[in-house]
């Protein structure tokens, strides 16, 4: 019954325009195909909506991808995008971006708010209920705004003077103006005209961090997401019990909320059907509880529809909760009631965002990795078939500067061989560091279960070209010998036939069942296949950008 109720509520939110799914970090950023964007463009902020995702570049450009049925991608169309496209009129000059249910907002360098996408409840804030496929100014907020946060179908802005303004859907009192009437232009939040330090809009509730480290929440409370010990909705801000002082950050998800305390601990409350509170139970909590294993050392939190993610002081990503589409990122589809490590993100994570069924991380090198559901292209890898991913994959155009030059999944100071890139020697951690082999890793596109598959190269390292080599394809279901493109020759979309590199596509034959979306790895060892050509030349501080080598015969 509890699961059925949760699904019913989720469906109601979808009709209202989805969840607000943002980490606090996404909203305070500094100054189709990825057309016009160079591969590896560094991002400085990441935000996830219900089924779309957006990023901000270091040049102040706003880029979005995923579901675009309501114009939330902002490119002037309602065509879904499986790879990042620039938001119309925002190729530069944006300082923050936030994705809501089916709408998106950005903060301009002049302190003004622009919004676009779904507007049936007035969440765009232009005084109408007309959907907007391109950014429009929010009424009365052309300047003087410090931060903005988009919720399920409402939006809130933090003014430079410390006051709050909210607009959009208000059926549960989530605007905080002591009514339940929708507002198509910003209104003042009762009792919070000054002293607010951070804002987080959830699905149908809102939370704020006020001076002195105090937490305040208002709106829907059917699952205890306001944290006041009750399940009564509140149309005005109320104190989060046990968090009256000492809060450093706060975030609101679909039906739950979380806060980082002054000592770095993580507390969550509200719905817990899938373990999204992380307290090793699936019991709903109307008061804050400590997340298992995260009583200290947390630097960021992101609450999604029914899952949660956090970053530790070591820069590691941890997620928990609903995981049917792999949104937790641990390589499984098993719900987790306590934090688990996100695969390949044990360090180097700068910011994190949780969507309804997907998650994304911003790396210290400016790259973006996403995982989970991809039915609308929200992972941004260009996959038009939309296969879910249970492990992080690169967003097209936002590969970023590598912080893992030897490809062993470790980053920075945690890497056992951090200096190998300077010698042009790369290691996939198969045989220690360094090691003579070629390592190829990429994204799979299946045409069948036991049929041909296409591997798009996303990582490639060569120490030196061996005289003889054998191609081995590895998956979670075993290791098989494979042929490259049948005849043994790799094809590249970018460099032409016979060249390995980023974007290369290698056709392989799978002889054992494999799941759609699983990570493919091909290791070229010293026996069996002749590999001819020269070694790749590494880019400064990162993996090689080009390599010419032919795989012949077997």
Protein backbone atom coordinates (compact mmCIF):
# COMPACT_ATOMS: atom_id res chain seq x y z
CA UNK A 1 0.00 0.00 0.00
CA UNK A 2 2.82 2.36 0.84
CA UNK A 3 4.45 1.83 -2.56
CA UNK A 4 1.15 2.28 -4.39
CA UNK A 5 0.50 5.52 -2.53
CA UNK A 6 3.96 6.80 -3.34
CA UNK A 7 3.53 6.06 -7.04
CA UNK A 8 0.14 7.78 -7.06
CA UNK A 9 1.61 10.90 -5.49
CA UNK A 10 4.46 10.88 -7.98
CA UNK A 11 1.97 10.76 -10.83
CA UNK A 12 0.13 13.73 -9.37
CA UNK A 13 3.39 15.66 -9.23
CA UNK A 14 4.17 14.80 -12.83
CA UNK A 15 0.88 16.33 -13.88
CA UNK A 16 1.71 19.40 -11.80
CA UNK A 17 5.12 19.60 -13.58
CA UNK A 18 7.43 17.29 -11.68
CA UNK A 19 9.84 17.59 -8.80
CA UNK A 20 12.36 20.20 -7.75
CA UNK A 21 15.57 18.36 -7.76
CA UNK A 22 18.54 20.52 -7.02
CA UNK A 23 21.48 20.56 -4.72
CA UNK A 24 22.09 23.80 -2.88
CA UNK A 25 25.46 24.07 -4.61
CA UNK A 26 23.86 24.34 -8.05
CA UNK A 27 22.16 27.61 -7.31
CA UNK A 28 25.12 29.67 -6.11
CA UNK A 29 27.55 29.24 -8.99
CA UNK A 30 30.15 31.81 -9.85
CA UNK A 31 30.76 33.81 -12.79
CA UNK A 32 21.17 18.86 -29.96
CA UNK A 33 24.42 17.91 -30.37
CA UNK A 34 26.76 20.13 -28.53
CA UNK A 35 26.84 22.49 -31.47
CA UNK A 36 29.28 25.37 -31.02
CA UNK A 37 30.79 23.87 -27.87
CA UNK A 38 34.27 22.43 -27.90
CA UNK A 39 34.65 18.97 -26.41
CA UNK A 40 35.84 19.20 -22.85
CA UNK A 41 34.27 22.60 -22.15
CA UNK A 42 34.55 23.13 -18.37
CA UNK A 43 31.34 23.45 -16.39
CA UNK A 44 31.03 25.35 -13.12
CA UNK A 45 27.51 24.31 -12.07
CA UNK A 46 25.10 21.43 -12.63
CA UNK A 47 21.37 21.13 -11.89
CA UNK A 48 18.78 18.43 -12.55
CA UNK A 49 15.05 18.72 -13.10
CA UNK A 50 12.41 16.02 -13.29
CA UNK A 51 13.65 14.65 -16.62
CA UNK A 52 16.05 17.32 -17.88
CA UNK A 53 19.47 18.59 -16.88
CA UNK A 54 21.31 21.90 -17.23
CA UNK A 55 24.84 23.17 -16.73
CA UNK A 56 26.62 26.49 -16.55
CA UNK A 57 30.00 26.98 -18.25
CA UNK A 58 32.92 29.06 -17.01
CA UNK A 59 32.00 31.63 -19.68
CA UNK A 60 28.53 32.05 -18.19
CA UNK A 61 26.80 30.00 -20.88
CA UNK A 62 23.66 28.03 -20.03
CA UNK A 63 23.31 24.59 -21.63
CA UNK A 64 20.41 22.13 -21.17
CA UNK A 65 19.39 18.68 -22.42
CA UNK A 66 16.75 15.99 -21.90
CA UNK A 67 12.96 16.31 -21.84
CA UNK A 68 11.81 19.39 -23.73
CA UNK A 69 8.06 18.80 -24.05
CA UNK A 70 7.32 22.07 -22.24
CA UNK A 71 10.28 24.04 -23.59
CA UNK A 72 12.37 23.53 -20.42
CA UNK A 73 15.58 23.08 -22.43
CA UNK A 74 15.16 26.66 -23.63
CA UNK A 75 16.29 26.34 -27.24
CA UNK A 76 13.05 27.64 -28.73
CA UNK A 77 11.67 24.19 -29.55
CA UNK A 78 9.80 21.39 -27.80
CA UNK A 79 12.11 18.70 -29.17
CA UNK A 80 13.84 16.46 -26.65
CA UNK A 81 17.63 16.77 -26.67
CA UNK A 82 19.93 13.83 -25.96
CA UNK A 83 23.00 16.09 -25.85
CA UNK A 84 23.54 19.63 -24.52
CA UNK A 85 22.24 22.61 -26.50
CA UNK A 86 22.76 26.27 -25.64
CA UNK A 87 19.81 28.09 -24.08
CA UNK A 88 18.55 30.78 -26.43
CA UNK A 89 20.08 34.14 -25.56
CA UNK A 90 22.21 32.71 -22.75
CA UNK A 91 25.45 31.74 -24.43
CA UNK A 92 27.11 33.98 -21.83
CA UNK A 93 26.23 36.25 -18.93
CA UNK A 94 24.53 33.75 -16.61
CA UNK A 95 25.84 33.31 -13.07
CA UNK A 96 23.56 30.53 -11.78
CA UNK A 97 21.06 28.01 -13.14
CA UNK A 98 18.37 25.85 -11.54
CA UNK A 99 16.10 23.17 -13.04
CA UNK A 100 12.64 22.50 -11.64
CA UNK A 101 9.98 19.97 -12.55
CA UNK A 102 9.50 21.04 -16.15
CA UNK A 103 10.84 24.58 -16.05
CA UNK A 104 14.24 26.20 -15.65
CA UNK A 105 15.55 29.53 -14.36
CA UNK A 106 18.86 31.38 -14.53
CA UNK A 107 20.38 34.35 -12.78
CA UNK A 108 21.97 37.03 -14.97
CA UNK A 109 25.16 38.90 -14.20
CA UNK A 110 23.01 41.93 -13.44
CA UNK A 111 21.11 40.08 -10.73
CA UNK A 112 17.97 39.53 -12.78
CA UNK A 113 15.98 36.28 -13.04
CA UNK A 114 15.04 34.64 -16.35
CA UNK A 115 12.80 31.55 -16.57
CA UNK A 116 11.47 29.26 -19.30
CA UNK A 117 9.52 26.03 -19.80
CA UNK A 118 6.25 24.89 -18.25
CA UNK A 119 4.11 27.76 -16.97
CA UNK A 120 0.66 26.30 -16.32
CA UNK A 121 0.89 27.32 -12.66
CA UNK A 122 2.73 30.58 -13.22
CA UNK A 123 6.13 29.13 -12.29
CA UNK A 124 7.92 31.15 -14.99
CA UNK A 125 6.80 34.31 -13.21
CA UNK A 126 5.96 36.51 -16.20
CA UNK A 127 2.35 37.13 -15.16
CA UNK A 128 0.91 34.52 -17.56
CA UNK A 129 0.26 30.79 -17.67
CA UNK A 130 1.73 30.34 -21.16
CA UNK A 131 4.63 27.91 -21.58
CA UNK A 132 7.85 29.63 -22.67
CA UNK A 133 10.39 27.76 -24.86
CA UNK A 134 12.93 30.58 -24.45
CA UNK A 135 13.94 32.66 -21.40
CA UNK A 136 11.69 35.53 -20.31
CA UNK A 137 12.26 38.01 -17.45
CA UNK A 138 10.50 37.35 -14.15
CA UNK A 139 8.20 40.22 -13.29
CA UNK A 140 9.74 42.62 -10.78
CA UNK A 141 13.06 40.76 -10.53
CA UNK A 142 15.21 42.43 -13.16
CA UNK A 143 17.97 43.05 -10.58
CA UNK A 144 18.88 42.61 -6.94
CA UNK A 145 18.61 38.79 -6.80
CA UNK A 146 21.33 36.67 -5.22
CA UNK A 147 20.07 33.12 -5.84
CA UNK A 148 17.16 31.27 -7.41
CA UNK A 149 15.68 27.80 -6.87
CA UNK A 150 13.12 26.02 -9.06
CA UNK A 151 10.69 23.54 -7.51
CA UNK A 152 8.14 21.10 -8.88
CA UNK A 153 5.90 23.84 -10.26
CA UNK A 154 7.01 26.84 -8.22
CA UNK A 155 10.11 29.01 -7.98
CA UNK A 156 11.75 31.11 -5.27
CA UNK A 157 14.38 33.84 -5.37
CA UNK A 158 16.69 35.11 -2.63
CA UNK A 159 17.18 38.84 -2.79
CA UNK A 160 20.49 40.55 -2.18
CA UNK A 161 18.93 42.17 0.89
CA UNK A 162 18.13 38.73 2.36
CA UNK A 163 14.41 38.58 1.65
CA UNK A 164 12.49 35.89 -0.24
CA UNK A 165 10.08 36.01 -3.16
CA UNK A 166 8.21 32.97 -4.53
CA UNK A 167 5.73 32.34 -7.37
CA UNK A 168 3.90 29.53 -9.18
CA UNK A 169 1.92 26.60 -7.75
CA UNK A 170 0.68 27.10 -4.19
CA UNK A 171 -1.84 24.35 -3.55
CA UNK A 172 0.02 23.22 -0.43
CA UNK A 173 1.22 26.64 0.70
CA UNK A 174 4.70 26.20 -0.81
CA UNK A 175 4.95 29.90 -1.66
CA UNK A 176 4.77 30.79 2.03
CA UNK A 177 2.45 33.78 1.65
CA UNK A 178 -0.17 32.39 4.08
CA UNK A 179 -2.49 31.37 1.21
CA UNK A 180 -2.94 28.41 -1.12
CA UNK A 181 -3.59 30.50 -4.23
CA UNK A 182 -1.28 30.16 -7.21
CA UNK A 183 0.74 33.28 -7.99
CA UNK A 184 1.86 34.25 -11.48
CA UNK A 185 4.28 36.90 -10.25
CA UNK A 186 6.58 36.92 -7.20
CA UNK A 187 5.10 37.43 -3.72
CA UNK A 188 6.77 38.01 -0.35
CA UNK A 189 7.30 34.97 1.88
CA UNK A 190 5.69 35.68 5.24
CA UNK A 191 8.17 36.40 8.03
CA UNK A 192 11.23 36.14 5.78
CA UNK A 193 11.71 39.66 4.47
CA UNK A 194 15.36 39.59 5.60
CA UNK A 195 18.03 37.31 7.06
CA UNK A 196 17.73 34.45 4.57
CA UNK A 197 21.02 32.85 3.51
CA UNK A 198 19.92 30.02 1.20
CA UNK A 199 16.76 28.73 -0.49
CA UNK A 200 15.72 25.26 -1.75
CA UNK A 201 12.42 24.58 -3.51
CA UNK A 202 11.18 20.99 -3.30
CA UNK A 203 8.39 19.14 -5.06
CA UNK A 204 5.51 20.89 -3.28
CA UNK A 205 7.37 22.34 -0.31
CA UNK A 206 10.16 24.85 0.27
CA UNK A 207 13.00 25.17 2.77
CA UNK A 208 15.33 28.02 3.67
CA UNK A 209 18.44 28.58 5.71
CA UNK A 210 18.21 31.75 7.77
CA UNK A 211 20.80 33.69 9.73
CA UNK A 212 22.22 31.90 12.73
CA UNK A 213 22.12 28.54 10.94
CA UNK A 214 18.40 27.95 11.42
CA UNK A 215 16.27 25.77 9.14
CA UNK A 216 12.75 26.79 8.03
CA UNK A 217 10.33 24.81 5.82
CA UNK A 218 6.75 25.30 4.58
CA UNK A 219 4.21 23.83 2.14
CA UNK A 220 3.21 20.18 1.75
CA UNK A 221 3.87 17.97 4.76
CA UNK A 222 2.02 14.75 4.02
CA UNK A 223 5.23 12.71 4.46
CA UNK A 224 6.75 14.82 7.23
CA UNK A 225 9.03 16.68 4.81
CA UNK A 226 8.76 19.92 6.82
CA UNK A 227 10.48 18.25 9.76
CA UNK A 228 8.23 19.76 12.46
CA UNK A 229 7.06 16.44 13.89
CA UNK A 230 3.63 16.62 12.18
CA UNK A 231 2.10 15.83 8.80
CA UNK A 232 0.12 19.07 8.56
CA UNK A 233 0.71 21.41 5.62
CA UNK A 234 2.02 24.87 6.49
CA UNK A 235 1.38 27.97 4.31
CA UNK A 236 4.02 29.94 6.22
CA UNK A 237 7.59 29.06 7.31
CA UNK A 238 7.98 26.85 10.38
CA UNK A 239 11.02 25.73 12.36
CA UNK A 240 12.58 22.36 11.53
CA UNK A 241 12.64 20.58 14.90
CA UNK A 242 16.11 19.84 16.18
CA UNK A 243 17.64 22.12 13.56
CA UNK A 244 16.81 25.51 15.02
CA UNK A 245 20.52 26.27 14.96
CA UNK A 246 23.66 24.91 13.37
CA UNK A 247 22.56 24.29 9.77
CA UNK A 248 25.09 24.90 7.01
CA UNK A 249 23.05 23.86 3.96
CA UNK A 250 19.51 22.63 3.23
CA UNK A 251 17.75 20.97 0.28
CA UNK A 252 14.23 19.81 -0.59
CA UNK A 253 13.36 16.82 -2.77
CA UNK A 254 10.14 15.19 -3.91
CA UNK A 255 8.76 14.30 -0.47
CA UNK A 256 11.82 14.57 1.75
CA UNK A 257 14.39 17.13 2.88
CA UNK A 258 17.98 17.07 4.11
CA UNK A 259 20.33 19.47 5.89
CA UNK A 260 24.05 19.59 6.54
CA UNK A 261 24.79 20.57 10.12
CA UNK A 262 27.53 22.95 11.22
CA UNK A 263 29.76 20.01 12.12
CA UNK A 264 29.38 18.41 8.68
CA UNK A 265 26.78 15.81 9.63
CA UNK A 266 23.81 15.00 7.39
CA UNK A 267 20.23 14.91 8.69
CA UNK A 268 17.18 13.94 6.59
CA UNK A 269 13.42 13.71 7.15
CA UNK A 270 10.17 12.96 5.32
CA UNK A 271 9.31 10.10 2.94
CA UNK A 272 11.47 7.00 3.22
CA UNK A 273 9.69 4.38 1.11
CA UNK A 274 12.88 3.55 -0.78
CA UNK A 275 15.41 4.38 1.92
CA UNK A 276 16.00 7.94 0.68
CA UNK A 277 16.60 9.19 4.24
CA UNK A 278 19.61 6.89 4.51
CA UNK A 279 19.04 5.83 8.12
CA UNK A 280 19.16 2.09 7.25
CA UNK A 281 15.35 1.83 7.46
CA UNK A 282 12.40 2.52 5.17
CA UNK A 283 10.37 4.21 7.87
CA UNK A 284 8.93 7.66 7.25
CA UNK A 285 10.32 10.32 9.60
CA UNK A 286 8.61 13.58 10.57
CA UNK A 287 11.73 14.67 12.45
CA UNK A 288 15.36 14.78 11.28
CA UNK A 289 17.44 11.60 11.58
CA UNK A 290 21.16 11.16 11.01
CA UNK A 291 22.16 9.53 7.75
CA UNK A 292 24.03 6.29 8.39
CA UNK A 293 27.79 6.73 8.14
CA UNK A 294 27.54 10.46 7.44
CA UNK A 295 27.55 11.98 10.92
CA UNK A 296 30.41 14.23 9.77
CA UNK A 297 32.49 15.13 6.75
CA UNK A 298 29.65 16.04 4.34
CA UNK A 299 30.20 19.05 2.08
CA UNK A 300 27.14 18.96 -0.21
CA UNK A 301 23.74 17.24 -0.47
CA UNK A 302 21.20 16.79 -3.28
CA UNK A 303 17.68 15.45 -2.75
CA UNK A 304 15.90 13.87 -5.71
CA UNK A 305 12.46 12.45 -6.27
CA UNK A 306 13.04 9.39 -4.08
CA UNK A 307 16.82 9.23 -3.72
CA UNK A 308 19.57 11.35 -2.23
CA UNK A 309 23.23 12.01 -2.95
CA UNK A 310 26.04 13.66 -0.99
CA UNK A 311 29.68 14.62 -1.36
CA UNK A 312 32.21 13.84 1.36
CA UNK A 313 35.18 15.96 2.40
CA UNK A 314 37.38 13.65 0.31
CA UNK A 315 35.39 14.58 -2.79
CA UNK A 316 33.64 11.21 -3.00
CA UNK A 317 30.04 10.80 -4.13
CA UNK A 318 27.59 8.74 -2.09
CA UNK A 319 23.96 8.02 -3.03
CA UNK A 320 21.03 6.05 -1.62
CA UNK A 321 17.29 5.43 -2.05
CA UNK A 322 15.31 4.52 -5.18
CA UNK A 323 17.49 2.72 -7.71
CA UNK A 324 15.35 0.94 -10.28
CA UNK A 325 16.97 2.92 -13.10
CA UNK A 326 20.43 3.09 -11.55
CA UNK A 327 20.11 6.60 -10.11
CA UNK A 328 22.21 5.59 -7.09
CA UNK A 329 25.13 4.84 -9.41
CA UNK A 330 26.49 1.72 -7.73
CA UNK A 331 26.06 -0.48 -10.78
CA UNK A 332 22.90 -2.16 -9.49
CA UNK A 333 19.15 -1.59 -9.56
CA UNK A 334 18.70 -2.35 -5.86
CA UNK A 335 17.20 0.29 -3.55
CA UNK A 336 19.67 1.37 -0.87
CA UNK A 337 18.59 2.46 2.61
CA UNK A 338 22.05 3.73 3.50
CA UNK A 339 24.76 5.55 1.50
CA UNK A 340 26.85 3.56 -0.99
CA UNK A 341 29.78 4.77 -3.11
CA UNK A 342 29.05 5.91 -6.65
CA UNK A 343 31.15 3.87 -9.05
CA UNK A 344 34.31 5.65 -10.28
CA UNK A 345 33.55 8.77 -8.21
CA UNK A 346 35.65 8.06 -5.13
CA UNK A 347 37.23 11.52 -5.37
CA UNK A 348 37.28 14.64 -7.50
CA UNK A 349 33.58 15.52 -7.17
CA UNK A 350 32.86 19.24 -6.81
CA UNK A 351 29.03 19.36 -6.93
CA UNK A 352 26.16 16.90 -7.23
CA UNK A 353 22.52 17.02 -8.32
CA UNK A 354 19.68 14.49 -8.03
CA UNK A 355 16.77 14.32 -10.47
CA UNK A 356 13.68 12.19 -10.31
CA UNK A 357 15.40 9.01 -11.47
CA UNK A 358 18.83 10.28 -12.50
CA UNK A 359 21.82 11.98 -10.92
CA UNK A 360 24.74 14.08 -12.13
CA UNK A 361 28.09 15.13 -10.71
CA UNK A 362 30.39 18.04 -11.53
CA UNK A 363 34.06 17.09 -11.35
CA UNK A 364 36.92 19.31 -10.23
CA UNK A 365 38.26 19.27 -13.79
CA UNK A 366 35.01 20.80 -15.08
CA UNK A 367 33.61 17.56 -16.50
CA UNK A 368 30.08 16.26 -15.91
CA UNK A 369 29.10 12.65 -15.27
CA UNK A 370 25.47 11.46 -15.16
CA UNK A 371 23.75 8.16 -14.44
CA UNK A 372 20.29 6.65 -14.01
CA UNK A 373 17.23 6.92 -16.24
CA UNK A 374 17.80 8.28 -19.73
CA UNK A 375 14.44 7.91 -21.46
CA UNK A 376 14.35 11.60 -22.39
CA UNK A 377 18.07 12.08 -22.98
CA UNK A 378 18.63 13.60 -19.52
CA UNK A 379 22.07 11.96 -19.19
CA UNK A 380 23.32 13.99 -22.14
CA UNK A 381 25.48 11.33 -23.78
CA UNK A 382 23.79 11.63 -27.17
CA UNK A 383 22.06 8.25 -26.90
CA UNK A 384 18.83 8.60 -28.88
CA UNK A 385 17.68 5.18 -27.68
CA UNK A 386 17.83 6.41 -24.08
CA UNK A 387 19.29 3.40 -22.31
CA UNK A 388 19.46 3.79 -18.51
CA UNK A 389 22.95 3.77 -17.04
CA UNK A 390 23.76 2.26 -13.67
CA UNK A 391 27.21 3.85 -13.60
CA UNK A 392 28.38 7.40 -14.40
CA UNK A 393 28.96 8.33 -18.04
CA UNK A 394 30.34 11.50 -19.61
CA UNK A 395 28.02 14.23 -20.87
CA UNK A 396 28.74 15.05 -24.50
CA UNK A 397 30.84 18.20 -24.74
CA UNK A 398 31.41 18.26 -20.99
CA UNK A 399 34.08 15.56 -20.71
CA UNK A 400 36.26 18.06 -18.83
CA UNK A 401 39.96 17.86 -18.04
CA UNK A 402 40.88 14.44 -16.78
CA UNK A 403 41.62 14.11 -13.08
CA UNK A 404 42.33 10.41 -13.59
CA UNK A 405 45.10 10.30 -16.25
CA UNK A 406 45.93 6.63 -15.83
CA UNK A 407 42.31 5.47 -15.94
CA UNK A 408 42.26 3.41 -12.76
CA UNK A 409 39.20 5.12 -11.28
CA UNK A 410 41.24 7.03 -8.71
CA UNK A 411 41.69 10.80 -8.77
CA UNK A 412 44.25 13.33 -7.58
CA UNK A 413 46.01 12.50 -4.33
CA UNK A 414 44.15 9.18 -4.08
CA UNK A 415 45.77 7.94 -7.30
CA UNK A 416 48.62 5.49 -6.76
CA UNK A 417 50.26 6.56 -10.03
CA UNK A 418 49.40 10.24 -10.48
CA UNK A 419 52.57 11.08 -12.43
CA UNK A 420 52.33 8.52 -15.21
CA UNK A 421 50.66 10.97 -17.61
CA UNK A 422 53.87 13.00 -17.79
CA UNK A 423 55.66 9.96 -19.22
CA UNK A 424 52.87 9.08 -21.61
CA UNK A 425 52.26 5.84 -19.72
CA UNK A 426 48.68 4.95 -18.81
CA UNK A 427 47.32 2.23 -16.58
CA UNK A 428 43.83 0.80 -16.23
CA UNK A 429 44.74 -0.84 -12.94
CA UNK A 430 44.71 -4.33 -14.47
CA UNK A 431 48.38 -5.05 -13.93
CA UNK A 432 49.60 -2.36 -11.60
CA UNK A 433 51.32 0.84 -12.60
CA UNK A 434 52.67 1.22 -15.25
CA UNK A 435 51.81 -1.54 -17.71
CA UNK A 436 52.20 -2.13 -21.46
CA UNK A 437 48.74 -2.38 -22.98
CA UNK A 438 46.00 -0.47 -24.72
CA UNK A 439 42.86 0.21 -22.66
CA UNK A 440 39.59 1.25 -24.32
CA UNK A 441 36.43 2.15 -22.44
CA UNK A 442 33.20 3.44 -23.87
CA UNK A 443 29.42 3.55 -24.04
CA UNK A 444 27.57 0.60 -25.51
CA UNK A 445 24.73 0.80 -28.01
CA UNK A 446 23.10 -2.58 -28.49
CA UNK A 447 21.20 -3.82 -31.52
CA UNK A 448 20.30 -7.03 -29.73
CA UNK A 449 21.11 -9.16 -26.69
CA UNK A 450 23.41 -11.67 -28.34
CA UNK A 451 24.09 -9.67 -31.49
CA UNK A 452 26.26 -6.84 -32.71
CA UNK A 453 27.06 -3.95 -30.39
CA UNK A 454 28.75 -0.63 -31.00
CA UNK A 455 31.28 0.78 -28.56
CA UNK A 456 31.80 4.55 -28.60
CA UNK A 457 35.23 5.28 -27.18
CA UNK A 458 35.24 7.63 -24.20
CA UNK A 459 38.60 6.73 -22.69
CA UNK A 460 41.69 5.43 -24.43
CA UNK A 461 45.28 4.90 -23.29
CA UNK A 462 48.30 3.35 -24.98
CA UNK A 463 51.67 2.76 -23.37
CA UNK A 464 53.31 1.48 -26.53
CA UNK A 465 52.08 -0.55 -29.46
CA UNK A 466 52.80 -4.25 -28.90
CA UNK A 467 53.96 -6.40 -31.78
CA UNK A 468 51.13 -8.86 -31.23
CA UNK A 469 47.90 -8.32 -29.34
CA UNK A 470 44.59 -10.00 -28.62
CA UNK A 471 41.28 -8.17 -28.28
CA UNK A 472 39.29 -9.13 -25.19
CA UNK A 473 35.82 -7.80 -24.45
CA UNK A 474 34.88 -7.64 -20.76
CA UNK A 475 31.43 -7.31 -19.28
CA UNK A 476 29.71 -8.13 -16.02
CA UNK A 477 28.78 -11.50 -17.55
CA UNK A 478 32.20 -12.71 -18.50
CA UNK A 479 35.05 -12.16 -20.91
CA UNK A 480 34.89 -13.04 -24.61
CA UNK A 481 37.21 -12.72 -27.56
CA UNK A 482 35.81 -10.28 -30.08
CA UNK A 483 36.58 -8.94 -33.54
CA UNK A 484 36.70 -5.23 -34.29
CA UNK A 485 34.13 -4.47 -36.99
CA UNK A 486 34.00 -8.07 -38.17
CA UNK A 487 37.03 -7.79 -40.43
CA UNK A 488 39.12 -6.62 -37.52
CA UNK A 489 39.36 -2.94 -38.46
CA UNK A 490 38.05 -0.15 -36.23
CA UNK A 491 36.02 2.66 -37.72
CA UNK A 492 36.16 6.20 -36.37
CA UNK A 493 33.48 8.84 -36.81
CA UNK A 494 36.04 11.59 -36.44
CA UNK A 495 39.39 10.42 -37.70
CA UNK A 496 38.35 7.96 -40.41
CA UNK A 497 38.81 4.27 -40.86
CA UNK A 498 41.51 2.66 -38.79
CA UNK A 499 41.99 5.34 -36.13
CA UNK A 500 41.22 4.99 -32.46
CA UNK A 501 40.27 8.13 -30.56
CA UNK A 502 37.47 9.88 -28.72
CA UNK A 503 34.26 9.27 -30.63
CA UNK A 504 35.60 6.17 -32.38
CA UNK A 505 33.00 3.46 -32.90
CA UNK A 506 34.08 -0.16 -32.74
CA UNK A 507 31.68 -2.86 -33.84
CA UNK A 508 31.98 -6.02 -31.76
CA UNK A 509 30.18 -9.33 -31.51
CA UNK A 510 28.84 -10.27 -28.09
CA UNK A 511 28.66 -14.02 -27.52
CA UNK A 512 27.24 -13.91 -24.02
CA UNK A 513 24.18 -11.96 -22.84
CA UNK A 514 24.77 -8.40 -21.68
CA UNK A 515 22.44 -5.74 -20.34
CA UNK A 516 21.66 -2.54 -22.17
CA UNK A 517 23.56 0.30 -20.57
CA UNK A 518 26.36 -1.71 -19.00
CA UNK A 519 29.90 -0.42 -19.34
CA UNK A 520 32.01 -2.10 -21.99
CA UNK A 521 35.75 -2.48 -21.71
CA UNK A 522 38.12 -3.81 -24.32
CA UNK A 523 41.70 -4.53 -23.32
CA UNK A 524 44.29 -5.15 -26.02
CA UNK A 525 46.86 -7.61 -24.70
CA UNK A 526 50.04 -8.95 -26.27
CA UNK A 527 48.84 -12.09 -28.07
CA UNK A 528 46.47 -12.90 -30.91
CA UNK A 529 45.71 -9.66 -32.78
CA UNK A 530 48.21 -7.53 -34.65
CA UNK A 531 48.02 -3.89 -33.56
CA UNK A 532 49.97 -1.53 -35.79
CA UNK A 533 50.53 2.21 -35.52
CA UNK A 534 52.00 4.65 -33.06
CA UNK A 535 51.31 5.40 -29.42
CA UNK A 536 48.88 8.13 -28.46
CA UNK A 537 50.32 11.47 -27.45
CA UNK A 538 48.79 12.65 -24.17
CA UNK A 539 47.29 16.10 -23.80
CA UNK A 540 48.76 18.22 -21.01
CA UNK A 541 47.49 16.90 -17.72
CA UNK A 542 45.07 14.46 -19.34
CA UNK A 543 44.62 11.35 -21.47
CA UNK A 544 45.65 11.23 -25.13
CA UNK A 545 43.43 13.03 -27.59
CA UNK A 546 44.54 11.15 -30.73
CA UNK A 547 45.91 7.77 -31.55
CA UNK A 548 46.34 6.02 -34.90
CA UNK A 549 46.41 2.26 -34.61
CA UNK A 550 44.92 -0.59 -36.62
CA UNK A 551 43.48 -3.77 -35.20
CA UNK A 552 43.96 -6.59 -37.71
CA UNK A 553 42.77 -10.16 -37.76
CA UNK A 554 42.80 -12.53 -34.82
